[in-house]
């Protein structure tokens, strides 16, 4: 997805951003010249231009710090509350930064002309403060209102995008789990177990029920307990274990999973992906490991790719990656070596 308007404005690594600041500063200085209708005092307007430009650079730098990480999926009320509270702090920070900038600027001017540095604070407070205060408050208010509107709209667009992705995810996840192939295999398994191993048939039905119940209960949520997700993949794995016996092995090494949150059905998608795209035999079983690494849950399997891959439903890694990015602001990490396929899912805070 393309960067938002706010992200582009805050990105001071781009040369184009500083060019925009220069053009804006020129336009602001030109407006002052037109209002005063005095074209003779060029050095005064050069000072105004430099002050506007320097303050823009500092204000945007502060905005990048104060408004960072506002990317997780939240409700409209939460977005508005967070932006307004941060904006109040941003406004005060910019005001005090502007005082420091203008004082430093006056000190620099006096140094250049050999003036008396001790009079800078006095002259500013008694002769310039009222005019400076009005201009600064007006500029901060106008710029702040424009910035907060852009920030708010971008946050709501992310929320809308997340809703759309969730709808796609819900639909595709349910279609994946109830597709005829999956149901056909499950019913066949139950049918064969009822007569030969009725206790296993009951266990299989319970696991199948747990998988569907979990998906239906959590399809609209942005996060669930890691413990619940671990329970889901155990139930899902048991469905395959009954059919495939020792061909697939799952090893989960996660301590205190109740302390963490994760995107619902994310681990199940990765387990399903590993089973779907790899060969599993008794001689060469598919080994899947799930464990914590820093602030990620890692799903790792040995690579035994099938010669002819099954047609993808397109929910997979692409959809999962986009939902994680929208909700957490972080990326799904995918690594493939000669022997292993590794996916790291960010934990949610």
C-alpha atoms as a PDB file:
ATOM      1  CA  UNK A   1       0.000   0.000   0.000  1.00  0.00           C
ATOM      2  CA  UNK A   2       1.190   3.539  -0.721  1.00  0.00           C
ATOM      3  CA  UNK A   3       2.306   5.739   2.152  1.00  0.00           C
ATOM      4  CA  UNK A   4      -0.367   8.000   3.604  1.00  0.00           C
ATOM      5  CA  UNK A   5      -0.324  11.776   3.191  1.00  0.00           C
ATOM      6  CA  UNK A   6       0.936  12.200   6.761  1.00  0.00           C
ATOM      7  CA  UNK A   7       3.707   9.641   6.281  1.00  0.00           C
ATOM      8  CA  UNK A   8       4.866  11.494   3.158  1.00  0.00           C
ATOM      9  CA  UNK A   9       4.822  14.840   4.985  1.00  0.00           C
ATOM     10  CA  UNK A  10       6.738  13.449   7.973  1.00  0.00           C
ATOM     11  CA  UNK A  11       9.371  11.699   5.870  1.00  0.00           C
ATOM     12  CA  UNK A  12      12.277  14.132   6.173  1.00  0.00           C
ATOM     13  CA  UNK A  13      14.569  11.590   4.522  1.00  0.00           C
ATOM     14  CA  UNK A  14      13.106  12.650   1.185  1.00  0.00           C
ATOM     15  CA  UNK A  15      14.683  15.616  -0.594  1.00  0.00           C
ATOM     16  CA  UNK A  16      11.245  16.513  -1.981  1.00  0.00           C
ATOM     17  CA  UNK A  17       9.970  17.119   1.578  1.00  0.00           C
ATOM     18  CA  UNK A  18      12.566  19.853   2.181  1.00  0.00           C
ATOM     19  CA  UNK A  19      11.827  21.381  -1.225  1.00  0.00           C
ATOM     20  CA  UNK A  20       8.152  21.628  -0.214  1.00  0.00           C
ATOM     21  CA  UNK A  21       9.215  23.358   3.014  1.00  0.00           C
ATOM     22  CA  UNK A  22      11.308  25.848   1.022  1.00  0.00           C
ATOM     23  CA  UNK A  23       8.414  26.606  -1.332  1.00  0.00           C
ATOM     24  CA  UNK A  24       6.012  27.009   1.582  1.00  0.00           C
ATOM     25  CA  UNK A  25       8.459  29.344   3.343  1.00  0.00           C
ATOM     26  CA  UNK A  26       8.796  31.431   0.174  1.00  0.00           C
ATOM     27  CA  UNK A  27       5.008  31.623  -0.133  1.00  0.00           C
ATOM     28  CA  UNK A  28       4.665  32.643   3.526  1.00  0.00           C
ATOM     29  CA  UNK A  29       7.314  35.355   3.151  1.00  0.00           C
ATOM     30  CA  UNK A  30       5.681  36.583  -0.035  1.00  0.00           C
ATOM     31  CA  UNK A  31       2.366  36.897   1.783  1.00  0.00           C
ATOM     32  CA  UNK A  32       4.007  39.056   4.478  1.00  0.00           C
ATOM     33  CA  UNK A  33       5.540  41.314   1.814  1.00  0.00           C
ATOM     34  CA  UNK A  34       2.185  41.766   0.081  1.00  0.00           C
ATOM     35  CA  UNK A  35       0.371  42.496   3.359  1.00  0.00           C
ATOM     36  CA  UNK A  36       2.964  45.076   4.476  1.00  0.00           C
ATOM     37  CA  UNK A  37       3.354  46.426   0.942  1.00  0.00           C
ATOM     38  CA  UNK A  38       7.025  47.199   1.645  1.00  0.00           C
ATOM     39  CA  UNK A  39       9.542  45.769  -0.809  1.00  0.00           C
ATOM     40  CA  UNK A  40      12.599  47.665   0.408  1.00  0.00           C
ATOM     41  CA  UNK A  41      13.646  45.891   3.630  1.00  0.00           C
ATOM     42  CA  UNK A  42      14.887  42.695   1.925  1.00  0.00           C
ATOM     43  CA  UNK A  43      17.065  41.539   4.854  1.00  0.00           C
ATOM     44  CA  UNK A  44      14.010  41.563   7.143  1.00  0.00           C
ATOM     45  CA  UNK A  45      12.116  39.295   4.766  1.00  0.00           C
ATOM     46  CA  UNK A  46      15.151  37.047   4.414  1.00  0.00           C
ATOM     47  CA  UNK A  47      15.045  36.656   8.201  1.00  0.00           C
ATOM     48  CA  UNK A  48      11.324  35.855   8.048  1.00  0.00           C
ATOM     49  CA  UNK A  49      11.954  33.286   5.314  1.00  0.00           C
ATOM     50  CA  UNK A  50      14.708  31.572   7.303  1.00  0.00           C
ATOM     51  CA  UNK A  51      12.626  31.545  10.485  1.00  0.00           C
ATOM     52  CA  UNK A  52       9.634  29.984   8.719  1.00  0.00           C
ATOM     53  CA  UNK A  53      11.823  27.342   7.075  1.00  0.00           C
ATOM     54  CA  UNK A  54      13.723  26.417  10.258  1.00  0.00           C
ATOM     55  CA  UNK A  55      10.527  26.242  12.304  1.00  0.00           C
ATOM     56  CA  UNK A  56       8.863  24.032   9.677  1.00  0.00           C
ATOM     57  CA  UNK A  57      11.771  21.600   9.815  1.00  0.00           C
ATOM     58  CA  UNK A  58      11.680  21.483  13.635  1.00  0.00           C
ATOM     59  CA  UNK A  59       7.877  21.259  13.876  1.00  0.00           C
ATOM     60  CA  UNK A  60       7.661  18.386  11.403  1.00  0.00           C
ATOM     61  CA  UNK A  61      10.485  16.619  13.229  1.00  0.00           C
ATOM     62  CA  UNK A  62       8.499  16.931  16.477  1.00  0.00           C
ATOM     63  CA  UNK A  63       5.339  15.724  14.713  1.00  0.00           C
ATOM     64  CA  UNK A  64       7.206  12.646  13.492  1.00  0.00           C
ATOM     65  CA  UNK A  65       8.070  11.775  17.096  1.00  0.00           C
ATOM     66  CA  UNK A  66       4.728  12.634  18.718  1.00  0.00           C
ATOM     67  CA  UNK A  67       2.449  11.092  16.090  1.00  0.00           C
ATOM     68  CA  UNK A  68       4.492   7.980  15.331  1.00  0.00           C
ATOM     69  CA  UNK A  69       3.034   4.459  15.707  1.00  0.00           C
ATOM     70  CA  UNK A  70      -0.558   5.627  15.176  1.00  0.00           C
ATOM     71  CA  UNK A  71      -1.212   2.660  12.847  1.00  0.00           C
ATOM     72  CA  UNK A  72      -2.951  -0.032  14.800  1.00  0.00           C
ATOM     73  CA  UNK A  73      -6.599  -0.785  14.106  1.00  0.00           C
ATOM     74  CA  UNK A  74      -8.762   1.267  16.469  1.00  0.00           C
ATOM     75  CA  UNK A  75     -12.295   2.587  16.572  1.00  0.00           C
ATOM     76  CA  UNK A  76     -13.124   6.081  15.335  1.00  0.00           C
ATOM     77  CA  UNK A  77     -13.544   7.334  18.932  1.00  0.00           C
ATOM     78  CA  UNK A  78     -10.168   5.936  19.975  1.00  0.00           C
ATOM     79  CA  UNK A  79      -8.471   7.463  16.919  1.00  0.00           C
ATOM     80  CA  UNK A  80     -10.000  10.886  17.627  1.00  0.00           C
ATOM     81  CA  UNK A  81      -9.140  10.783  21.337  1.00  0.00           C
ATOM     82  CA  UNK A  82      -5.512   9.778  20.734  1.00  0.00           C
ATOM     83  CA  UNK A  83      -4.956  12.361  17.997  1.00  0.00           C
ATOM     84  CA  UNK A  84      -6.488  15.215  20.049  1.00  0.00           C
ATOM     85  CA  UNK A  85      -4.448  14.383  23.161  1.00  0.00           C
ATOM     86  CA  UNK A  86      -1.241  14.144  21.151  1.00  0.00           C
ATOM     87  CA  UNK A  87      -2.065  17.329  19.288  1.00  0.00           C
ATOM     88  CA  UNK A  88      -2.340  19.286  22.559  1.00  0.00           C
ATOM     89  CA  UNK A  89       1.158  18.138  23.524  1.00  0.00           C
ATOM     90  CA  UNK A  90       2.411  18.805  19.978  1.00  0.00           C
ATOM     91  CA  UNK A  91       1.033  22.371  20.093  1.00  0.00           C
ATOM     92  CA  UNK A  92       2.801  23.176  23.374  1.00  0.00           C
ATOM     93  CA  UNK A  93       6.051  21.565  22.208  1.00  0.00           C
ATOM     94  CA  UNK A  94       6.020  23.631  19.007  1.00  0.00           C
ATOM     95  CA  UNK A  95       5.289  26.859  20.904  1.00  0.00           C
ATOM     96  CA  UNK A  96       8.268  26.473  23.237  1.00  0.00           C
ATOM     97  CA  UNK A  97      10.445  25.283  20.351  1.00  0.00           C
ATOM     98  CA  UNK A  98       9.485  28.453  18.437  1.00  0.00           C
ATOM     99  CA  UNK A  99      10.599  30.644  21.377  1.00  0.00           C
ATOM    100  CA  UNK A 100      13.971  28.888  21.506  1.00  0.00           C
ATOM    101  CA  UNK A 101      14.401  29.146  17.720  1.00  0.00           C
ATOM    102  CA  UNK A 102      13.627  32.873  17.533  1.00  0.00           C
ATOM    103  CA  UNK A 103      15.951  33.668  20.461  1.00  0.00           C
ATOM    104  CA  UNK A 104      18.797  31.648  18.914  1.00  0.00           C
ATOM    105  CA  UNK A 105      18.116  33.413  15.612  1.00  0.00           C
ATOM    106  CA  UNK A 106      18.358  36.867  17.245  1.00  0.00           C
ATOM    107  CA  UNK A 107      21.557  35.878  19.032  1.00  0.00           C
ATOM    108  CA  UNK A 108      23.030  34.787  15.681  1.00  0.00           C
ATOM    109  CA  UNK A 109      22.018  38.097  14.082  1.00  0.00           C
ATOM    110  CA  UNK A 110      23.670  40.092  16.860  1.00  0.00           C
ATOM    111  CA  UNK A 111      26.833  38.020  16.588  1.00  0.00           C
ATOM    112  CA  UNK A 112      27.026  38.757  12.855  1.00  0.00           C
ATOM    113  CA  UNK A 113      26.702  42.537  13.323  1.00  0.00           C
ATOM    114  CA  UNK A 114      28.707  42.697  16.560  1.00  0.00           C
ATOM    115  CA  UNK A 115      25.713  43.754  18.669  1.00  0.00           C
ATOM    116  CA  UNK A 116      25.113  43.474  22.412  1.00  0.00           C
ATOM    117  CA  UNK A 117      24.015  39.880  23.136  1.00  0.00           C
ATOM    118  CA  UNK A 118      22.812  40.743  26.639  1.00  0.00           C
ATOM    119  CA  UNK A 119      19.972  42.863  25.203  1.00  0.00           C
ATOM    120  CA  UNK A 120      18.479  40.067  23.066  1.00  0.00           C
ATOM    121  CA  UNK A 121      16.039  38.674  25.684  1.00  0.00           C
ATOM    122  CA  UNK A 122      15.013  42.162  26.830  1.00  0.00           C
ATOM    123  CA  UNK A 123      14.380  43.460  23.306  1.00  0.00           C
ATOM    124  CA  UNK A 124      12.440  40.327  22.389  1.00  0.00           C
ATOM    125  CA  UNK A 125      10.180  40.459  25.439  1.00  0.00           C
ATOM    126  CA  UNK A 126       9.521  44.214  25.410  1.00  0.00           C
ATOM    127  CA  UNK A 127       9.456  45.047  21.706  1.00  0.00           C
ATOM    128  CA  UNK A 128       8.816  41.916  19.654  1.00  0.00           C
ATOM    129  CA  UNK A 129       6.963  39.413  21.818  1.00  0.00           C
ATOM    130  CA  UNK A 130       3.401  40.669  21.178  1.00  0.00           C
ATOM    131  CA  UNK A 131       3.792  40.659  17.383  1.00  0.00           C
ATOM    132  CA  UNK A 132       5.714  37.368  17.447  1.00  0.00           C
ATOM    133  CA  UNK A 133       3.121  35.776  19.748  1.00  0.00           C
ATOM    134  CA  UNK A 134       0.186  36.671  17.483  1.00  0.00           C
ATOM    135  CA  UNK A 135       1.980  35.463  14.344  1.00  0.00           C
ATOM    136  CA  UNK A 136       3.176  32.239  15.979  1.00  0.00           C
ATOM    137  CA  UNK A 137      -0.197  31.330  17.502  1.00  0.00           C
ATOM    138  CA  UNK A 138      -1.940  32.045  14.192  1.00  0.00           C
ATOM    139  CA  UNK A 139       0.555  29.962  12.226  1.00  0.00           C
ATOM    140  CA  UNK A 140       0.550  27.084  14.699  1.00  0.00           C
ATOM    141  CA  UNK A 141      -3.242  27.018  14.857  1.00  0.00           C
ATOM    142  CA  UNK A 142      -3.702  27.106  11.081  1.00  0.00           C
ATOM    143  CA  UNK A 143      -0.971  24.555  10.398  1.00  0.00           C
ATOM    144  CA  UNK A 144      -2.061  22.395  13.318  1.00  0.00           C
ATOM    145  CA  UNK A 145      -5.681  22.260  12.203  1.00  0.00           C
ATOM    146  CA  UNK A 146      -4.652  21.277   8.672  1.00  0.00           C
ATOM    147  CA  UNK A 147      -2.248  18.645  10.003  1.00  0.00           C
ATOM    148  CA  UNK A 148      -4.726  17.145  12.467  1.00  0.00           C
ATOM    149  CA  UNK A 149      -7.414  16.884   9.753  1.00  0.00           C
ATOM    150  CA  UNK A 150      -4.981  15.030   7.476  1.00  0.00           C
ATOM    151  CA  UNK A 151      -3.836  12.800  10.352  1.00  0.00           C
ATOM    152  CA  UNK A 152      -7.401  12.024  11.388  1.00  0.00           C
ATOM    153  CA  UNK A 153      -8.488  11.225   7.828  1.00  0.00           C
ATOM    154  CA  UNK A 154      -5.497   8.937   7.311  1.00  0.00           C
ATOM    155  CA  UNK A 155      -6.238   7.079  10.541  1.00  0.00           C
ATOM    156  CA  UNK A 156      -9.879   6.588   9.525  1.00  0.00           C
ATOM    157  CA  UNK A 157      -8.795   5.390   6.079  1.00  0.00           C
ATOM    158  CA  UNK A 158      -6.580   2.786   7.750  1.00  0.00           C
ATOM    159  CA  UNK A 159      -9.512   1.738   9.914  1.00  0.00           C
ATOM    160  CA  UNK A 160     -11.743   1.389   6.833  1.00  0.00           C
ATOM    161  CA  UNK A 161      -9.026  -0.557   5.016  1.00  0.00           C
ATOM    162  CA  UNK A 162      -8.710  -2.880   8.002  1.00  0.00           C
ATOM    163  CA  UNK A 163     -12.464  -3.475   8.025  1.00  0.00           C
ATOM    164  CA  UNK A 164     -12.362  -4.368   4.336  1.00  0.00           C
ATOM    165  CA  UNK A 165      -9.436  -6.722   4.872  1.00  0.00           C
ATOM    166  CA  UNK A 166     -11.237  -8.329   7.816  1.00  0.00           C
ATOM    167  CA  UNK A 167     -14.327  -8.947   5.692  1.00  0.00           C
ATOM    168  CA  UNK A 168     -12.194 -10.562   2.995  1.00  0.00           C
ATOM    169  CA  UNK A 169     -10.358 -12.582   5.632  1.00  0.00           C
ATOM    170  CA  UNK A 170     -13.570 -13.793   7.283  1.00  0.00           C
ATOM    171  CA  UNK A 171     -15.072 -14.818   3.965  1.00  0.00           C
ATOM    172  CA  UNK A 172     -11.959 -16.543   2.640  1.00  0.00           C
ATOM    173  CA  UNK A 173     -11.187 -18.275   5.945  1.00  0.00           C
ATOM    174  CA  UNK A 174     -14.668 -19.741   6.173  1.00  0.00           C
ATOM    175  CA  UNK A 175     -14.565 -20.794   2.513  1.00  0.00           C
ATOM    176  CA  UNK A 176     -11.209 -22.476   3.081  1.00  0.00           C
ATOM    177  CA  UNK A 177     -12.420 -24.406   6.083  1.00  0.00           C
ATOM    178  CA  UNK A 178     -15.739 -25.496   4.578  1.00  0.00           C
ATOM    179  CA  UNK A 179     -14.587 -26.236   1.070  1.00  0.00           C
ATOM    180  CA  UNK A 180     -15.858 -29.597  -0.270  1.00  0.00           C
ATOM    181  CA  UNK A 181     -12.381 -31.146  -0.235  1.00  0.00           C
ATOM    182  CA  UNK A 182     -11.881 -30.400   3.458  1.00  0.00           C
ATOM    183  CA  UNK A 183     -15.382 -31.584   4.411  1.00  0.00           C
ATOM    184  CA  UNK A 184     -15.141 -34.671   2.215  1.00  0.00           C
ATOM    185  CA  UNK A 185     -11.885 -35.768   3.886  1.00  0.00           C
ATOM    186  CA  UNK A 186     -13.242 -34.994   7.357  1.00  0.00           C
ATOM    187  CA  UNK A 187     -16.497 -36.910   6.824  1.00  0.00           C
ATOM    188  CA  UNK A 188     -14.619 -39.846   5.309  1.00  0.00           C
ATOM    189  CA  UNK A 189     -12.358 -39.945   8.334  1.00  0.00           C
ATOM    190  CA  UNK A 190     -15.304 -39.859  10.759  1.00  0.00           C
ATOM    191  CA  UNK A 191     -17.101 -42.557   8.781  1.00  0.00           C
ATOM    192  CA  UNK A 192     -14.115 -44.898   8.893  1.00  0.00           C
ATOM    193  CA  UNK A 193     -13.518 -44.278  12.603  1.00  0.00           C
ATOM    194  CA  UNK A 194     -17.081 -44.752  13.815  1.00  0.00           C
ATOM    195  CA  UNK A 195     -16.988 -48.529  13.393  1.00  0.00           C
ATOM    196  CA  UNK A 196     -13.319 -49.241  14.012  1.00  0.00           C
ATOM    197  CA  UNK A 197     -12.428 -46.633  16.677  1.00  0.00           C
ATOM    198  CA  UNK A 198     -15.565 -44.925  18.020  1.00  0.00           C
ATOM    199  CA  UNK A 199     -13.599 -43.140  20.762  1.00  0.00           C
ATOM    200  CA  UNK A 200     -11.293 -41.606  18.127  1.00  0.00           C
ATOM    201  CA  UNK A 201     -14.318 -40.655  16.028  1.00  0.00           C
ATOM    202  CA  UNK A 202     -15.694 -38.716  18.998  1.00  0.00           C
ATOM    203  CA  UNK A 203     -12.334 -37.006  19.533  1.00  0.00           C
ATOM    204  CA  UNK A 204     -12.156 -36.126  15.823  1.00  0.00           C
ATOM    205  CA  UNK A 205     -15.664 -34.590  15.885  1.00  0.00           C
ATOM    206  CA  UNK A 206     -14.808 -32.593  18.992  1.00  0.00           C
ATOM    207  CA  UNK A 207     -11.665 -31.197  17.345  1.00  0.00           C
ATOM    208  CA  UNK A 208     -13.562 -30.374  14.161  1.00  0.00           C
ATOM    209  CA  UNK A 209     -16.220 -28.609  16.216  1.00  0.00           C
ATOM    210  CA  UNK A 210     -13.568 -26.663  18.128  1.00  0.00           C
ATOM    211  CA  UNK A 211     -11.975 -25.409  14.910  1.00  0.00           C
ATOM    212  CA  UNK A 212     -15.277 -24.145  13.487  1.00  0.00           C
ATOM    213  CA  UNK A 213     -16.414 -22.656  16.786  1.00  0.00           C
ATOM    214  CA  UNK A 214     -13.152 -20.763  17.172  1.00  0.00           C
ATOM    215  CA  UNK A 215     -13.306 -19.336  13.655  1.00  0.00           C
ATOM    216  CA  UNK A 216     -16.933 -18.273  14.042  1.00  0.00           C
ATOM    217  CA  UNK A 217     -16.379 -16.750  17.501  1.00  0.00           C
ATOM    218  CA  UNK A 218     -13.247 -14.798  16.562  1.00  0.00           C
ATOM    219  CA  UNK A 219     -13.747 -13.901  12.919  1.00  0.00           C
ATOM    220  CA  UNK A 220     -14.516 -10.247  13.769  1.00  0.00           C
ATOM    221  CA  UNK A 221     -11.774  -9.754  16.360  1.00  0.00           C
ATOM    222  CA  UNK A 222      -8.427  -8.061  15.789  1.00  0.00           C
ATOM    223  CA  UNK A 223      -6.625  -9.972  18.520  1.00  0.00           C
ATOM    224  CA  UNK A 224      -6.977 -13.028  20.730  1.00  0.00           C
ATOM    225  CA  UNK A 225      -4.983 -14.657  23.495  1.00  0.00           C
ATOM    226  CA  UNK A 226      -1.996 -16.596  22.213  1.00  0.00           C
ATOM    227  CA  UNK A 227      -3.206 -19.462  24.401  1.00  0.00           C
ATOM    228  CA  UNK A 228      -6.490 -19.603  22.450  1.00  0.00           C
ATOM    229  CA  UNK A 229      -4.610 -19.608  19.155  1.00  0.00           C
ATOM    230  CA  UNK A 230      -2.333 -22.403  20.383  1.00  0.00           C
ATOM    231  CA  UNK A 231      -5.408 -24.432  21.383  1.00  0.00           C
ATOM    232  CA  UNK A 232      -6.800 -23.892  17.885  1.00  0.00           C
ATOM    233  CA  UNK A 233      -3.714 -25.181  16.087  1.00  0.00           C
ATOM    234  CA  UNK A 234      -3.631 -28.206  18.399  1.00  0.00           C
ATOM    235  CA  UNK A 235      -7.224 -29.033  17.442  1.00  0.00           C
ATOM    236  CA  UNK A 236      -6.500 -28.389  13.768  1.00  0.00           C
ATOM    237  CA  UNK A 237      -3.336 -30.500  13.876  1.00  0.00           C
ATOM    238  CA  UNK A 238      -5.208 -33.355  15.553  1.00  0.00           C
ATOM    239  CA  UNK A 239      -7.602 -33.489  12.597  1.00  0.00           C
ATOM    240  CA  UNK A 240      -4.646 -34.154  10.313  1.00  0.00           C
ATOM    241  CA  UNK A 241      -2.874 -36.425  12.789  1.00  0.00           C
ATOM    242  CA  UNK A 242      -5.807 -38.838  12.815  1.00  0.00           C
ATOM    243  CA  UNK A 243      -5.644 -39.136   9.025  1.00  0.00           C
ATOM    244  CA  UNK A 244      -1.892 -38.888   8.518  1.00  0.00           C
ATOM    245  CA  UNK A 245      -0.734 -40.623  11.700  1.00  0.00           C
ATOM    246  CA  UNK A 246       3.045 -40.177  12.019  1.00  0.00           C
ATOM    247  CA  UNK A 247       3.493 -38.280   8.748  1.00  0.00           C
ATOM    248  CA  UNK A 248       3.124 -34.854  10.371  1.00  0.00           C
ATOM    249  CA  UNK A 249       4.675 -33.731  13.654  1.00  0.00           C
ATOM    250  CA  UNK A 250       3.910 -30.552  15.573  1.00  0.00           C
ATOM    251  CA  UNK A 251       6.142 -29.231  18.326  1.00  0.00           C
ATOM    252  CA  UNK A 252       4.974 -26.201  20.340  1.00  0.00           C
ATOM    253  CA  UNK A 253       7.420 -24.529  22.726  1.00  0.00           C
ATOM    254  CA  UNK A 254       5.689 -21.486  24.198  1.00  0.00           C
ATOM    255  CA  UNK A 255       5.733 -20.668  27.888  1.00  0.00           C
ATOM    256  CA  UNK A 256       3.024 -18.462  29.447  1.00  0.00           C
ATOM    257  CA  UNK A 257       0.992 -17.981  26.242  1.00  0.00           C
ATOM    258  CA  UNK A 258      -1.761 -16.190  28.218  1.00  0.00           C
ATOM    259  CA  UNK A 259       0.535 -13.164  28.533  1.00  0.00           C
ATOM    260  CA  UNK A 260       0.497 -12.469  24.787  1.00  0.00           C
ATOM    261  CA  UNK A 261      -1.986 -11.445  22.082  1.00  0.00           C
ATOM    262  CA  UNK A 262      -1.964 -12.403  18.417  1.00  0.00           C
ATOM    263  CA  UNK A 263      -4.028 -12.030  15.269  1.00  0.00           C
ATOM    264  CA  UNK A 264      -6.779 -14.714  15.299  1.00  0.00           C
ATOM    265  CA  UNK A 265      -6.356 -17.734  12.977  1.00  0.00           C
ATOM    266  CA  UNK A 266      -2.882 -16.505  11.928  1.00  0.00           C
ATOM    267  CA  UNK A 267      -1.015 -19.584  13.211  1.00  0.00           C
ATOM    268  CA  UNK A 268      -3.669 -21.934  11.815  1.00  0.00           C
ATOM    269  CA  UNK A 269      -3.168 -20.400   8.351  1.00  0.00           C
ATOM    270  CA  UNK A 270       0.569 -21.065   8.581  1.00  0.00           C
ATOM    271  CA  UNK A 271       0.088 -24.665   9.765  1.00  0.00           C
ATOM    272  CA  UNK A 272      -2.370 -25.218   6.925  1.00  0.00           C
ATOM    273  CA  UNK A 273       0.067 -23.647   4.462  1.00  0.00           C
ATOM    274  CA  UNK A 274       2.869 -25.975   5.558  1.00  0.00           C
ATOM    275  CA  UNK A 275       0.664 -29.078   5.255  1.00  0.00           C
ATOM    276  CA  UNK A 276      -0.794 -28.023   1.909  1.00  0.00           C
ATOM    277  CA  UNK A 277       2.495 -27.337   0.130  1.00  0.00           C
ATOM    278  CA  UNK A 278       4.798 -30.048   1.508  1.00  0.00           C
ATOM    279  CA  UNK A 279       5.083 -33.813   1.118  1.00  0.00           C
ATOM    280  CA  UNK A 280       4.697 -35.819   4.342  1.00  0.00           C
ATOM    281  CA  UNK A 281       5.593 -39.507   4.630  1.00  0.00           C
ATOM    282  CA  UNK A 282       6.477 -41.818   7.522  1.00  0.00           C
ATOM    283  CA  UNK A 283      10.046 -42.000   6.237  1.00  0.00           C
ATOM    284  CA  UNK A 284      10.284 -38.218   5.818  1.00  0.00           C
ATOM    285  CA  UNK A 285       7.672 -36.624   8.086  1.00  0.00           C
ATOM    286  CA  UNK A 286       6.731 -32.963   7.916  1.00  0.00           C
ATOM    287  CA  UNK A 287       8.011 -31.342  11.102  1.00  0.00           C
ATOM    288  CA  UNK A 288       6.394 -28.086  12.203  1.00  0.00           C
ATOM    289  CA  UNK A 289       7.755 -26.071  15.129  1.00  0.00           C
ATOM    290  CA  UNK A 290       6.033 -23.165  16.858  1.00  0.00           C
ATOM    291  CA  UNK A 291       7.998 -21.045  19.341  1.00  0.00           C
ATOM    292  CA  UNK A 292       8.613 -17.508  20.588  1.00  0.00           C
ATOM    293  CA  UNK A 293      11.495 -15.389  19.349  1.00  0.00           C
ATOM    294  CA  UNK A 294      11.749 -11.859  20.742  1.00  0.00           C
ATOM    295  CA  UNK A 295       8.308 -10.327  20.102  1.00  0.00           C
ATOM    296  CA  UNK A 296       7.318 -12.766  17.356  1.00  0.00           C
ATOM    297  CA  UNK A 297       5.730 -16.198  17.170  1.00  0.00           C
ATOM    298  CA  UNK A 298       7.760 -18.325  14.764  1.00  0.00           C
ATOM    299  CA  UNK A 299       6.258 -21.111  12.658  1.00  0.00           C
ATOM    300  CA  UNK A 300       8.992 -23.212  11.057  1.00  0.00           C
ATOM    301  CA  UNK A 301       8.753 -26.321   8.915  1.00  0.00           C
ATOM    302  CA  UNK A 302      11.213 -28.446   6.979  1.00  0.00           C
ATOM    303  CA  UNK A 303      10.935 -27.952   3.209  1.00  0.00           C
ATOM    304  CA  UNK A 304       9.642 -30.931   1.247  1.00  0.00           C
ATOM    305  CA  UNK A 305       7.836 -29.186  -1.575  1.00  0.00           C
ATOM    306  CA  UNK A 306       5.290 -31.049  -3.639  1.00  0.00           C
ATOM    307  CA  UNK A 307       6.144 -31.465  -7.313  1.00  0.00           C
ATOM    308  CA  UNK A 308       2.786 -29.972  -8.345  1.00  0.00           C
ATOM    309  CA  UNK A 309       1.461 -27.303  -6.006  1.00  0.00           C
ATOM    310  CA  UNK A 310      -2.238 -27.053  -5.205  1.00  0.00           C
ATOM    311  CA  UNK A 311      -4.018 -23.987  -6.520  1.00  0.00           C
ATOM    312  CA  UNK A 312      -3.902 -21.219  -3.909  1.00  0.00           C
ATOM    313  CA  UNK A 313      -7.078 -19.599  -2.559  1.00  0.00           C
ATOM    314  CA  UNK A 314      -5.149 -16.326  -2.221  1.00  0.00           C
ATOM    315  CA  UNK A 315      -5.993 -15.907   1.473  1.00  0.00           C
ATOM    316  CA  UNK A 316      -2.594 -17.177   2.585  1.00  0.00           C
ATOM    317  CA  UNK A 317       0.450 -15.163   3.338  1.00  0.00           C
ATOM    318  CA  UNK A 318      -0.498 -12.089   1.306  1.00  0.00           C
ATOM    319  CA  UNK A 319      -3.784 -11.497   3.121  1.00  0.00           C
ATOM    320  CA  UNK A 320      -2.293 -12.398   6.493  1.00  0.00           C
ATOM    321  CA  UNK A 321       0.623 -10.019   5.915  1.00  0.00           C
ATOM    322  CA  UNK A 322      -1.686  -7.131   4.999  1.00  0.00           C
ATOM    323  CA  UNK A 323      -3.909  -7.632   8.059  1.00  0.00           C
ATOM    324  CA  UNK A 324      -0.900  -7.753  10.382  1.00  0.00           C
ATOM    325  CA  UNK A 325       0.496  -4.572   8.838  1.00  0.00           C
ATOM    326  CA  UNK A 326      -2.803  -2.742   9.245  1.00  0.00           C
ATOM    327  CA  UNK A 327      -3.383  -3.871  12.830  1.00  0.00           C
ATOM    328  CA  UNK A 328       0.125  -3.704  14.289  1.00  0.00           C
ATOM    329  CA  UNK A 329       2.045  -1.447  11.903  1.00  0.00           C
ATOM    330  CA  UNK A 330       4.639  -4.219  11.623  1.00  0.00           C
ATOM    331  CA  UNK A 331       5.431  -6.690   8.872  1.00  0.00           C
ATOM    332  CA  UNK A 332       5.065 -10.435   8.615  1.00  0.00           C
ATOM    333  CA  UNK A 333       8.603 -11.820   8.241  1.00  0.00           C
ATOM    334  CA  UNK A 334       9.012 -14.651   5.730  1.00  0.00           C
ATOM    335  CA  UNK A 335      12.304 -16.522   5.317  1.00  0.00           C
ATOM    336  CA  UNK A 336      13.077 -19.493   3.102  1.00  0.00           C
ATOM    337  CA  UNK A 337      16.317 -21.470   3.107  1.00  0.00           C
ATOM    338  CA  UNK A 338      17.280 -24.654   1.310  1.00  0.00           C
ATOM    339  CA  UNK A 339      15.925 -26.715   4.191  1.00  0.00           C
ATOM    340  CA  UNK A 340      13.329 -24.625   6.032  1.00  0.00           C
ATOM    341  CA  UNK A 341      10.392 -22.287   5.553  1.00  0.00           C
ATOM    342  CA  UNK A 342      10.065 -19.797   8.403  1.00  0.00           C
ATOM    343  CA  UNK A 343       7.336 -17.244   9.134  1.00  0.00           C
ATOM    344  CA  UNK A 344       7.464 -14.805  12.041  1.00  0.00           C
ATOM    345  CA  UNK A 345       4.145 -13.391  13.231  1.00  0.00           C
ATOM    346  CA  UNK A 346       4.352 -10.200  15.357  1.00  0.00           C
ATOM    347  CA  UNK A 347       2.766 -10.348  18.778  1.00  0.00           C
ATOM    348  CA  UNK A 348       0.231  -7.606  19.456  1.00  0.00           C
ATOM    349  CA  UNK A 349       0.747  -5.161  22.301  1.00  0.00           C
END
